Amino acid sequence: MVAGAHHATGERLTARLVEENLGSKTSVEVFATPRRLAACQPELVDRQEDRDETIMGPPVSASFDAEGHPTNAGLGFARKLGVTSTHSNGPRRPRANTCRI
């Protein structure tokens, strides 16, 4: 059991670090006892690379009223993400009529 958990912890942590663009040149060190697992990444990068991501929000019909002013749904979505406004002109996707930040 400990050997399997030991191996799986190292693999999962390495995969997750690569997924988040935090991989490094050295491998993850895993330590295990019958009751504890610990992992160490000696040369973890200090900072992720910058990346752009589109965050889907509420439908435009719920985010803006008839005059084009933001509703509470639109304002809440913007506030949650720490921005001052939302917009609805993004790439066409299955949920094309949603606000995007």
C-alpha atoms as a PDB file:
ATOM      1  CA  MET A   1       0.000   0.000   0.000  1.00  0.00           C
ATOM      2  CA  VAL A   2       2.716   2.497   0.972  1.00  0.00           C
ATOM      3  CA  ALA A   3       4.787   1.749  -2.142  1.00  0.00           C
ATOM      4  CA  GLY A   4       1.771   2.302  -4.424  1.00  0.00           C
ATOM      5  CA  ALA A   5       0.794   5.533  -2.689  1.00  0.00           C
ATOM      6  CA  HIS A   6       4.416   6.668  -2.739  1.00  0.00           C
ATOM      7  CA  HIS A   7       4.662   6.159  -6.500  1.00  0.00           C
ATOM      8  CA  ALA A   8       1.204   7.614  -7.280  1.00  0.00           C
ATOM      9  CA  THR A   9       1.867  10.755  -5.220  1.00  0.00           C
ATOM     10  CA  GLY A  10       5.018  11.532  -7.180  1.00  0.00           C
ATOM     11  CA  GLU A  11       3.353  10.929 -10.536  1.00  0.00           C
ATOM     12  CA  ARG A  12       0.233  12.959  -9.716  1.00  0.00           C
ATOM     13  CA  LEU A  13       2.152  15.894  -8.282  1.00  0.00           C
ATOM     14  CA  THR A  14       4.510  15.973 -11.270  1.00  0.00           C
ATOM     15  CA  ALA A  15       1.560  15.855 -13.700  1.00  0.00           C
ATOM     16  CA  ARG A  16      -0.269  18.618 -11.854  1.00  0.00           C
ATOM     17  CA  LEU A  17       2.804  20.870 -11.785  1.00  0.00           C
ATOM     18  CA  VAL A  18       3.284  20.409 -15.535  1.00  0.00           C
ATOM     19  CA  GLU A  19      -0.423  21.108 -16.101  1.00  0.00           C
ATOM     20  CA  GLU A  20      -0.089  24.410 -14.220  1.00  0.00           C
ATOM     21  CA  ASN A  21       3.154  25.317 -16.051  1.00  0.00           C
ATOM     22  CA  LEU A  22       5.155  24.982 -12.855  1.00  0.00           C
ATOM     23  CA  GLY A  23       7.319  22.047 -13.880  1.00  0.00           C
ATOM     24  CA  SER A  24      11.033  22.096 -13.159  1.00  0.00           C
ATOM     25  CA  LYS A  25      14.212  20.320 -14.210  1.00  0.00           C
ATOM     26  CA  THR A  26      14.302  18.094 -11.143  1.00  0.00           C
ATOM     27  CA  SER A  27      11.880  15.366 -10.198  1.00  0.00           C
ATOM     28  CA  VAL A  28       9.527  15.423  -7.241  1.00  0.00           C
ATOM     29  CA  GLU A  29      10.950  13.785  -4.131  1.00  0.00           C
ATOM     30  CA  VAL A  30       8.386  11.715  -2.219  1.00  0.00           C
ATOM     31  CA  PHE A  31       8.811  10.453   1.318  1.00  0.00           C
ATOM     32  CA  ALA A  32       6.492   7.912   2.909  1.00  0.00           C
ATOM     33  CA  THR A  33       5.850   6.197   6.217  1.00  0.00           C
ATOM     34  CA  PRO A  34       2.912   3.918   6.999  1.00  0.00           C
ATOM     35  CA  ARG A  35       0.824   6.924   8.108  1.00  0.00           C
ATOM     36  CA  ARG A  36       2.262   9.893   6.205  1.00  0.00           C
ATOM     37  CA  LEU A  37       3.144  11.010   2.711  1.00  0.00           C
ATOM     38  CA  ALA A  38       5.259  14.069   1.984  1.00  0.00           C
ATOM     39  CA  ALA A  39       6.504  15.515  -1.282  1.00  0.00           C
ATOM     40  CA  CYS A  40       9.165  18.082  -2.098  1.00  0.00           C
ATOM     41  CA  GLN A  41       9.944  19.869  -5.348  1.00  0.00           C
ATOM     42  CA  PRO A  42      13.470  21.264  -4.816  1.00  0.00           C
ATOM     43  CA  GLU A  43      13.647  23.636  -7.784  1.00  0.00           C
ATOM     44  CA  LEU A  44      10.078  24.808  -8.229  1.00  0.00           C
ATOM     45  CA  VAL A  45       9.809  27.784 -10.582  1.00  0.00           C
ATOM     46  CA  ASP A  46       9.091  31.107  -8.885  1.00  0.00           C
ATOM     47  CA  ARG A  47       6.358  32.256 -11.208  1.00  0.00           C
ATOM     48  CA  GLN A  48       4.042  30.923 -13.884  1.00  0.00           C
ATOM     49  CA  GLU A  49       4.223  32.236 -17.423  1.00  0.00           C
ATOM     50  CA  ASP A  50       1.530  34.778 -18.248  1.00  0.00           C
ATOM     51  CA  ARG A  51      -1.467  33.322 -20.047  1.00  0.00           C
ATOM     52  CA  ASP A  52      -4.753  34.554 -21.413  1.00  0.00           C
ATOM     53  CA  GLU A  53      -7.938  32.756 -20.543  1.00  0.00           C
ATOM     54  CA  THR A  54     -11.568  33.447 -21.322  1.00  0.00           C
ATOM     55  CA  ILE A  55     -13.980  33.058 -18.441  1.00  0.00           C
ATOM     56  CA  MET A  56     -17.591  32.424 -19.361  1.00  0.00           C
ATOM     57  CA  GLY A  57     -20.195  34.328 -17.375  1.00  0.00           C
ATOM     58  CA  PRO A  58     -23.961  34.708 -17.270  1.00  0.00           C
ATOM     59  CA  PRO A  59     -26.028  35.146 -20.449  1.00  0.00           C
ATOM     60  CA  VAL A  60     -25.993  38.635 -21.938  1.00  0.00           C
ATOM     61  CA  SER A  61     -29.778  38.828 -21.467  1.00  0.00           C
ATOM     62  CA  ALA A  62     -29.246  38.426 -17.697  1.00  0.00           C
ATOM     63  CA  SER A  63     -26.180  40.679 -17.541  1.00  0.00           C
ATOM     64  CA  PHE A  64     -27.564  43.790 -19.249  1.00  0.00           C
ATOM     65  CA  ASP A  65     -30.983  45.421 -19.190  1.00  0.00           C
ATOM     66  CA  ALA A  66     -32.881  46.724 -22.240  1.00  0.00           C
ATOM     67  CA  GLU A  67     -30.917  50.007 -22.239  1.00  0.00           C
ATOM     68  CA  GLY A  68     -27.566  48.213 -22.102  1.00  0.00           C
ATOM     69  CA  HIS A  69     -26.808  48.951 -18.457  1.00  0.00           C
ATOM     70  CA  PRO A  70     -25.294  46.153 -16.371  1.00  0.00           C
ATOM     71  CA  THR A  71     -27.666  44.250 -14.090  1.00  0.00           C
ATOM     72  CA  ASN A  72     -26.779  42.779 -10.714  1.00  0.00           C
ATOM     73  CA  ALA A  73     -25.796  39.518 -12.453  1.00  0.00           C
ATOM     74  CA  GLY A  74     -23.358  41.321 -14.750  1.00  0.00           C
ATOM     75  CA  LEU A  75     -21.960  43.476 -11.971  1.00  0.00           C
ATOM     76  CA  GLY A  76     -21.567  40.453  -9.688  1.00  0.00           C
ATOM     77  CA  PHE A  77     -19.687  38.540 -12.389  1.00  0.00           C
ATOM     78  CA  ALA A  78     -17.325  41.474 -12.955  1.00  0.00           C
ATOM     79  CA  ARG A  79     -16.849  42.048  -9.218  1.00  0.00           C
ATOM     80  CA  LYS A  80     -16.098  38.350  -8.633  1.00  0.00           C
ATOM     81  CA  LEU A  81     -13.228  38.602 -11.114  1.00  0.00           C
ATOM     82  CA  GLY A  82     -11.985  41.980  -9.925  1.00  0.00           C
ATOM     83  CA  VAL A  83     -12.760  43.942 -13.111  1.00  0.00           C
ATOM     84  CA  THR A  84     -14.949  46.962 -13.733  1.00  0.00           C
ATOM     85  CA  SER A  85     -16.946  45.868 -16.773  1.00  0.00           C
ATOM     86  CA  THR A  86     -18.007  42.876 -18.830  1.00  0.00           C
ATOM     87  CA  HIS A  87     -18.470  42.480 -22.548  1.00  0.00           C
ATOM     88  CA  SER A  88     -20.234  40.003 -24.782  1.00  0.00           C
ATOM     89  CA  ASN A  89     -18.166  40.104 -27.953  1.00  0.00           C
ATOM     90  CA  GLY A  90     -15.935  37.086 -27.796  1.00  0.00           C
ATOM     91  CA  PRO A  91     -15.210  34.110 -29.991  1.00  0.00           C
ATOM     92  CA  ARG A  92     -18.270  32.219 -31.178  1.00  0.00           C
ATOM     93  CA  ARG A  93     -18.741  29.097 -29.118  1.00  0.00           C
ATOM     94  CA  PRO A  94     -21.738  26.989 -28.149  1.00  0.00           C
ATOM     95  CA  ARG A  95     -22.563  29.523 -25.415  1.00  0.00           C
ATOM     96  CA  ALA A  96     -21.920  32.526 -27.644  1.00  0.00           C
ATOM     97  CA  ASN A  97     -24.385  34.845 -25.900  1.00  0.00           C
ATOM     98  CA  THR A  98     -22.586  34.924 -22.565  1.00  0.00           C
ATOM     99  CA  CYS A  99     -20.443  37.589 -20.965  1.00  0.00           C
ATOM    100  CA  ARG A 100     -16.717  37.044 -21.113  1.00  0.00           C
ATOM    101  CA  ILE A 101     -13.798  38.509 -19.245  1.00  0.00           C
END
